[in-house]
Amino acid sequence: MSVHTSHPDIIKRLKRAAGHLKSTIQMLEDEKTCLNVAQQLFAVERAIMTAKRTLIYDHLDHCLEDALHDGHESTEETLGQFKEITKYL
């Protein structure tokens, strides 16, 4: 298993999403406008989507590539992992 240099960035994005989500809950409790709440929810969604995409691309670029080159897994196993993870894009 290779080192994931993208993980600190992913953690930062998820913490940002958590902050947006906390703000969204507070906005609902404070009865803020639907437009403002929708904007916050959009920010949460984008932050999570970007974190997910970064994680998947890192996996494709490093883990699967390393598995093929190092011979730890068969081509069929690696292709299966590729197919499995791309469901989450």
Protein backbone atom coordinates (compact mmCIF):
# COMPACT_ATOMS: atom_id res chain seq x y z
CA MET A 1 0.00 0.00 0.00
CA SER A 2 1.44 3.34 -1.00
CA VAL A 3 1.49 6.56 0.98
CA HIS A 4 -1.51 8.78 0.31
CA THR A 5 -0.25 12.31 0.02
CA SER A 6 -3.79 13.47 -0.78
CA HIS A 7 -5.18 12.51 2.64
CA PRO A 8 -4.29 15.79 4.40
CA ASP A 9 -6.14 17.71 1.67
CA ILE A 10 -9.10 15.36 1.94
CA ILE A 11 -9.20 15.81 5.71
CA LYS A 12 -9.14 19.59 5.26
CA ARG A 13 -12.04 19.43 2.79
CA LEU A 14 -14.08 17.18 5.07
CA LYS A 15 -13.51 19.47 8.05
CA ARG A 16 -14.67 22.37 5.88
CA ALA A 17 -17.78 20.36 4.97
CA ALA A 18 -18.41 19.62 8.63
CA GLY A 19 -18.21 23.36 9.38
CA HIS A 20 -20.64 24.15 6.57
CA LEU A 21 -23.01 21.46 7.81
CA LYS A 22 -22.88 22.79 11.37
CA SER A 23 -23.64 26.27 10.00
CA THR A 24 -26.53 24.88 7.97
CA ILE A 25 -28.09 23.27 11.03
CA GLN A 26 -27.75 26.53 12.95
CA MET A 27 -29.28 28.46 10.05
CA LEU A 28 -32.30 26.14 10.06
CA GLU A 29 -32.66 26.51 13.82
CA ASP A 30 -32.45 30.30 13.41
CA GLU A 31 -35.06 30.15 10.63
CA LYS A 32 -32.83 31.71 7.98
CA THR A 33 -34.11 31.99 4.42
CA CYS A 34 -34.38 28.88 2.27
CA LEU A 35 -32.03 30.44 -0.28
CA ASN A 36 -29.29 30.89 2.32
CA VAL A 37 -29.78 27.35 3.65
CA ALA A 38 -29.68 25.94 0.11
CA GLN A 39 -26.41 27.79 -0.54
CA GLN A 40 -24.89 26.27 2.60
CA LEU A 41 -26.09 22.80 1.66
CA PHE A 42 -24.56 23.26 -1.78
CA ALA A 43 -21.23 24.13 -0.13
CA VAL A 44 -21.44 20.97 2.00
CA GLU A 45 -22.23 18.84 -1.01
CA ARG A 46 -19.40 20.31 -3.11
CA ALA A 47 -16.83 19.89 -0.34
CA ILE A 48 -17.76 16.24 0.17
CA MET A 49 -17.89 15.55 -3.57
CA THR A 50 -14.44 17.09 -4.08
CA ALA A 51 -12.99 15.08 -1.18
CA LYS A 52 -14.48 11.87 -2.58
CA ARG A 53 -13.20 12.56 -6.08
CA THR A 54 -9.71 13.36 -4.76
CA LEU A 55 -9.65 10.10 -2.80
CA ILE A 56 -10.79 8.02 -5.77
CA TYR A 57 -8.37 9.65 -8.21
CA ASP A 58 -5.52 9.14 -5.75
CA HIS A 59 -6.48 5.48 -5.44
CA LEU A 60 -6.55 5.08 -9.22
CA ASP A 61 -3.26 6.93 -9.69
CA HIS A 62 -1.32 5.19 -6.97
CA CYS A 63 -2.85 2.09 -5.43
CA LEU A 64 -4.09 0.42 -8.58
CA GLU A 65 -1.08 1.46 -10.62
CA ASP A 66 1.28 0.16 -7.92
CA ALA A 67 -0.66 -3.10 -7.73
CA LEU A 68 -0.23 -3.66 -11.45
CA HIS A 69 3.44 -2.71 -11.58
CA ASP A 70 4.49 -4.51 -8.40
CA GLY A 71 2.61 -7.67 -9.28
CA HIS A 72 0.84 -7.84 -5.90
CA GLU A 73 -2.46 -8.52 -7.63
CA SER A 74 -3.53 -10.01 -10.91
CA THR A 75 -4.77 -7.79 -13.70
CA GLU A 76 -8.26 -9.19 -13.17
CA GLU A 77 -8.22 -8.29 -9.46
CA THR A 78 -6.98 -4.79 -10.21
CA LEU A 79 -9.59 -4.31 -12.92
CA GLY A 80 -12.25 -5.49 -10.49
CA GLN A 81 -11.10 -2.89 -7.94
CA PHE A 82 -11.19 -0.24 -10.65
CA LYS A 83 -14.75 -1.13 -11.59
CA GLU A 84 -15.79 -1.23 -7.94
CA ILE A 85 -14.42 2.18 -6.98
CA THR A 86 -15.64 3.97 -10.10
CA LYS A 87 -19.23 3.28 -8.97
CA TYR A 88 -18.67 6.05 -6.43
CA LEU A 89 -17.72 8.76 -8.91
